[in-house]
Amino acid sequence: MTSAQIREIAETKAADMTGASIDDMMRSIEGTARSMGLVVEG
């Protein structure tokens, strides 16, 4: 996954993830992706 893809997911999920900035959501999504075995680039 690229950072751009993660940002797109974060922006899509923003309504569901209250109280967090886009950067915080991106870090959370990156962690979830890594735990699923995906490689995060960039």
C-alpha atoms as a PDB file:
ATOM      1  CA  MET A   1       0.000   0.000   0.000  1.00  0.00           C
ATOM      2  CA  THR A   2       1.145   3.523  -0.617  1.00  0.00           C
ATOM      3  CA  SER A   3       0.741   6.540   1.639  1.00  0.00           C
ATOM      4  CA  ALA A   4      -1.719   7.983  -0.877  1.00  0.00           C
ATOM      5  CA  GLN A   5      -3.912   4.888  -0.594  1.00  0.00           C
ATOM      6  CA  ILE A   6      -3.789   5.059   3.194  1.00  0.00           C
ATOM      7  CA  ARG A   7      -4.731   8.757   3.112  1.00  0.00           C
ATOM      8  CA  GLU A   8      -7.675   7.942   0.835  1.00  0.00           C
ATOM      9  CA  ILE A   9      -8.881   5.274   3.278  1.00  0.00           C
ATOM     10  CA  ALA A  10      -8.448   7.672   6.219  1.00  0.00           C
ATOM     11  CA  GLU A  11     -10.453  10.372   4.460  1.00  0.00           C
ATOM     12  CA  THR A  12     -13.193   7.855   3.650  1.00  0.00           C
ATOM     13  CA  LYS A  13     -13.285   6.557   7.238  1.00  0.00           C
ATOM     14  CA  ALA A  14     -13.056  10.028   8.839  1.00  0.00           C
ATOM     15  CA  ALA A  15     -16.774  10.090   9.642  1.00  0.00           C
ATOM     16  CA  ASP A  16     -16.484   6.764  11.511  1.00  0.00           C
ATOM     17  CA  MET A  17     -13.301   7.626  13.435  1.00  0.00           C
ATOM     18  CA  THR A  18     -14.279  10.603  15.557  1.00  0.00           C
ATOM     19  CA  GLY A  19     -11.815  12.720  17.491  1.00  0.00           C
ATOM     20  CA  ALA A  20      -8.741  11.871  15.451  1.00  0.00           C
ATOM     21  CA  SER A  21      -6.797  13.889  12.919  1.00  0.00           C
ATOM     22  CA  ILE A  22      -6.148  12.502   9.442  1.00  0.00           C
ATOM     23  CA  ASP A  23      -2.517  11.810  10.445  1.00  0.00           C
ATOM     24  CA  ASP A  24      -3.641   9.865  13.534  1.00  0.00           C
ATOM     25  CA  MET A  25      -6.081   7.857  11.446  1.00  0.00           C
ATOM     26  CA  MET A  26      -3.371   7.161   8.866  1.00  0.00           C
ATOM     27  CA  ARG A  27      -1.066   5.779  11.568  1.00  0.00           C
ATOM     28  CA  SER A  28      -3.863   3.563  12.853  1.00  0.00           C
ATOM     29  CA  ILE A  29      -4.661   2.274   9.370  1.00  0.00           C
ATOM     30  CA  GLU A  30      -0.945   1.683   8.661  1.00  0.00           C
ATOM     31  CA  GLY A  31      -0.681  -0.406  11.823  1.00  0.00           C
ATOM     32  CA  THR A  32      -3.739  -2.432  10.879  1.00  0.00           C
ATOM     33  CA  ALA A  33      -2.400  -2.983   7.361  1.00  0.00           C
ATOM     34  CA  ARG A  34       0.971  -4.156   8.695  1.00  0.00           C
ATOM     35  CA  SER A  35      -0.697  -6.541  11.149  1.00  0.00           C
ATOM     36  CA  MET A  36      -2.568  -8.040   8.189  1.00  0.00           C
ATOM     37  CA  GLY A  37       0.747  -8.643   6.413  1.00  0.00           C
ATOM     38  CA  LEU A  38       0.574  -5.767   3.933  1.00  0.00           C
ATOM     39  CA  VAL A  39       3.677  -3.758   3.088  1.00  0.00           C
ATOM     40  CA  VAL A  40       3.280  -0.014   3.547  1.00  0.00           C
ATOM     41  CA  GLU A  41       5.490   2.081   1.255  1.00  0.00           C
ATOM     42  CA  GLY A  42       6.328   5.753   1.551  1.00  0.00           C
END
